[in-house]
Protein backbone atom coordinates (compact mmCIF):
# COMPACT_ATOMS: atom_id res chain seq x y z
CA UNK A 1 -56.35 8.26 15.25
CA UNK A 2 -56.77 9.65 11.78
CA UNK A 3 -55.02 12.78 12.86
CA UNK A 4 -52.01 10.87 14.18
CA UNK A 5 -51.80 8.88 11.00
CA UNK A 6 -51.84 12.05 8.90
CA UNK A 7 -49.20 13.57 11.15
CA UNK A 8 -46.93 10.52 10.74
CA UNK A 9 -47.38 10.56 6.94
CA UNK A 10 -46.66 14.31 6.72
CA UNK A 11 -43.60 13.86 8.97
CA UNK A 12 -42.27 11.04 6.80
CA UNK A 13 -42.83 13.05 3.61
CA UNK A 14 -40.97 16.02 5.09
CA UNK A 15 -38.13 13.79 6.28
CA UNK A 16 -37.81 12.19 2.83
CA UNK A 17 -37.85 15.63 1.22
CA UNK A 18 -35.08 16.74 3.57
CA UNK A 19 -33.00 13.68 2.78
CA UNK A 20 -33.58 14.26 -0.92
CA UNK A 21 -32.18 17.78 -0.48
CA UNK A 22 -28.97 16.27 0.93
CA UNK A 23 -28.42 14.02 -2.10
CA UNK A 24 -26.74 16.70 -4.29
CA UNK A 25 -24.45 17.68 -1.40
CA UNK A 26 -23.47 14.02 -0.79
CA UNK A 27 -22.92 13.47 -4.51
CA UNK A 28 -20.58 16.47 -4.93
CA UNK A 29 -18.78 15.79 -1.66
CA UNK A 30 -18.03 12.22 -2.72
CA UNK A 31 -16.99 13.31 -6.24
CA UNK A 32 -14.50 15.89 -4.84
CA UNK A 33 -13.15 13.41 -2.28
CA UNK A 34 -12.42 10.85 -4.99
CA UNK A 35 -10.94 13.46 -7.34
CA UNK A 36 -8.60 14.80 -4.65
CA UNK A 37 -7.52 11.32 -3.63
CA UNK A 38 -6.56 10.48 -7.21
CA UNK A 39 -5.03 13.87 -8.09
CA UNK A 40 -1.29 14.53 -7.90
CA UNK A 41 -0.19 16.82 -5.08
CA UNK A 42 -1.09 20.37 -5.85
CA UNK A 43 1.74 22.86 -5.98
CA UNK A 44 0.57 25.48 -3.55
CA UNK A 45 2.77 28.56 -3.60
CA UNK A 46 4.49 29.00 -0.26
CA UNK A 47 5.85 32.34 0.77
CA UNK A 48 9.54 32.32 1.41
CA UNK A 49 10.40 33.47 4.89
CA UNK A 50 11.42 37.10 5.09
CA UNK A 51 15.18 37.54 5.22
CA UNK A 52 16.49 37.86 8.73
CA UNK A 53 17.86 41.28 9.57
CA UNK A 54 21.53 40.90 10.48
CA UNK A 55 22.39 41.38 14.11
CA UNK A 56 23.29 45.00 14.77
CA UNK A 57 27.01 45.45 15.36
CA UNK A 58 28.17 48.66 16.97
CA UNK A 59 31.00 50.17 18.97
CA UNK A 60 32.50 53.50 20.00
CA UNK A 61 35.03 54.90 17.49
CA UNK A 62 38.65 54.87 18.63
CA UNK A 63 40.55 55.43 15.35
CA UNK A 64 39.88 56.67 11.80
CA UNK A 65 41.97 55.84 8.76
CA UNK A 66 41.67 57.23 5.20
CA UNK A 67 44.42 55.57 3.15
CA UNK A 68 44.02 57.82 0.08
CA UNK A 69 44.88 60.86 2.24
CA UNK A 70 47.45 59.09 4.47
CA UNK A 71 45.23 60.10 7.38
CA UNK A 72 45.41 58.00 10.56
CA UNK A 73 44.00 59.60 13.70
CA UNK A 74 42.92 58.62 17.17
CA UNK A 75 39.27 59.43 17.89
CA UNK A 76 38.27 60.83 21.28
CA UNK A 77 34.82 61.60 22.67
CA UNK A 78 33.42 64.98 21.69
CA UNK A 79 30.60 66.92 23.26
CA UNK A 80 29.03 70.37 23.18
CA UNK A 81 29.45 72.61 26.21
CA UNK A 82 26.44 74.95 26.43
CA UNK A 83 28.31 77.29 28.85
CA UNK A 84 31.20 77.96 26.47
CA UNK A 85 29.08 77.30 23.35
CA UNK A 86 31.91 75.16 21.97
CA UNK A 87 32.58 71.56 21.05
CA UNK A 88 35.48 69.56 22.45
CA UNK A 89 38.47 70.01 20.10
CA UNK A 90 42.15 69.08 20.04
CA UNK A 91 45.07 69.73 17.71
CA UNK A 92 45.99 66.10 17.14
CA UNK A 93 42.78 64.01 17.31
CA UNK A 94 39.41 63.67 15.68
CA UNK A 95 36.33 63.61 17.93
CA UNK A 96 33.26 61.39 17.90
CA UNK A 97 30.17 63.56 18.45
CA UNK A 98 28.48 61.74 21.34
CA UNK A 99 24.96 62.86 20.33
CA UNK A 100 25.33 60.90 17.07
CA UNK A 101 25.00 57.11 16.74
CA UNK A 102 27.99 54.86 17.11
CA UNK A 103 29.27 53.17 13.94
CA UNK A 104 26.91 50.29 13.13
CA UNK A 105 25.55 48.13 10.32
CA UNK A 106 21.90 49.05 10.92
CA UNK A 107 20.97 52.74 10.65
CA UNK A 108 21.84 56.31 11.54
CA UNK A 109 24.66 58.80 11.14
CA UNK A 110 28.02 58.65 12.91
CA UNK A 111 29.57 62.11 13.14
CA UNK A 112 33.32 62.50 13.60
CA UNK A 113 34.69 66.04 13.54
CA UNK A 114 38.01 67.82 13.83
CA UNK A 115 40.00 71.00 13.20
CA UNK A 116 40.75 72.04 9.63
CA UNK A 117 44.45 71.78 10.45
CA UNK A 118 47.05 69.80 8.51
CA UNK A 119 47.50 67.26 11.32
CA UNK A 120 43.72 66.67 11.63
CA UNK A 121 41.10 67.21 8.87
CA UNK A 122 42.54 69.87 6.51
CA UNK A 123 43.30 67.14 3.94
CA UNK A 124 39.63 66.15 3.57
CA UNK A 125 39.38 68.57 0.63
CA UNK A 126 41.40 65.99 -1.36
CA UNK A 127 38.73 63.28 -1.07
CA UNK A 128 37.42 61.75 -4.29
CA UNK A 129 34.19 59.75 -4.70
CA UNK A 130 34.94 56.10 -4.01
CA UNK A 131 37.70 56.80 -1.44
CA UNK A 132 37.36 54.65 1.65
CA UNK A 133 37.51 55.41 5.35
CA UNK A 134 37.74 52.85 8.11
CA UNK A 135 36.67 53.43 11.68
CA UNK A 136 38.03 51.09 14.35
CA UNK A 137 35.91 50.71 17.48
CA UNK A 138 36.89 50.16 21.09
CA UNK A 139 35.33 46.66 21.03
CA UNK A 140 37.41 45.39 18.10
CA UNK A 141 35.40 46.04 14.94
CA UNK A 142 36.48 47.75 11.73
CA UNK A 143 33.74 49.62 9.85
CA UNK A 144 34.47 50.52 6.23
CA UNK A 145 32.75 53.41 4.46
CA UNK A 146 32.87 54.79 0.91
CA UNK A 147 33.01 58.54 0.24
CA UNK A 148 30.09 59.93 -1.80
CA UNK A 149 29.66 63.72 -1.39
CA UNK A 150 30.41 66.90 0.50
CA UNK A 151 28.26 69.82 1.65
CA UNK A 152 28.85 73.15 3.40
CA UNK A 153 26.29 74.19 6.03
CA UNK A 154 25.89 76.96 8.58
CA UNK A 155 27.02 76.17 12.15
CA UNK A 156 23.41 76.48 13.31
CA UNK A 157 22.29 73.60 11.07
CA UNK A 158 21.84 70.55 13.32
CA UNK A 159 19.88 68.36 10.85
CA UNK A 160 22.77 65.90 10.90
CA UNK A 161 21.57 64.65 14.30
CA UNK A 162 18.07 63.89 12.95
CA UNK A 163 19.28 61.59 10.16
CA UNK A 164 17.59 58.16 10.38
CA UNK A 165 18.47 56.43 7.08
CA UNK A 166 20.89 53.63 6.31
CA UNK A 167 24.18 53.69 8.23
CA UNK A 168 26.68 56.30 7.19
CA UNK A 169 29.71 58.21 8.43
CA UNK A 170 29.95 61.99 8.27
CA UNK A 171 33.25 63.78 8.79
CA UNK A 172 33.04 67.45 9.67
CA UNK A 173 35.52 70.31 9.72
CA UNK A 174 35.39 74.06 9.15
CA UNK A 175 35.44 75.75 5.75
CA UNK A 176 35.00 79.17 4.19
CA UNK A 177 37.18 82.29 4.01
CA UNK A 178 36.77 82.90 7.75
CA UNK A 179 36.06 79.27 8.74
CA UNK A 180 32.43 80.32 9.08
CA UNK A 181 30.93 77.12 7.57
CA UNK A 182 30.80 73.51 8.63
CA UNK A 183 31.90 71.20 5.82
CA UNK A 184 30.34 67.72 5.86
CA UNK A 185 31.93 64.77 4.03
CA UNK A 186 29.47 61.89 3.62
CA UNK A 187 30.47 58.21 3.48
CA UNK A 188 28.09 55.27 2.91
CA UNK A 189 28.48 52.13 5.01
CA UNK A 190 30.26 49.35 3.08
CA UNK A 191 31.15 46.56 5.53
CA UNK A 192 32.10 45.58 9.05
CA UNK A 193 34.55 42.97 10.28
CA UNK A 194 35.85 41.72 13.60
CA UNK A 195 39.58 42.39 14.03
């Protein structure tokens, strides 16, 4: 009996000690609850949603216009024939290089090329920075680009097809004393509109 009594007393002392250990927790919990209830709403910074990427608009080129050069040409499909080792060319049209991306407002390089003849791209040498080019697509969009720079490269240079930056237009024709170079004219994307 004495043992049971001692056990009950020890149990009660331990239980009271445990409850006493909860007193600070209860005190601070109640103090914070009251403080929060009486405090004005806290201004918690909220992250603004990320801007939505505009829907990609694209289409196959059908016409190119450069008003500053009075250039207005139909654009036909152009491809490389490995048997003849030549690209599709004509004397009265520009050609959209099918391995390049179509005009768009998202990314990549659109390559349109043509002969360095008066009726096609010979006049590109008269471009000045800031001149604009518009490309009309077969699905009724008009893409506007602004001329920025030119560069001569060897015919074996195909880096143009690996470009992955912001959307741009590159016009290409031949240059050099013997037409041995490929002259690139670079235009940055400006805008797109439905026509």
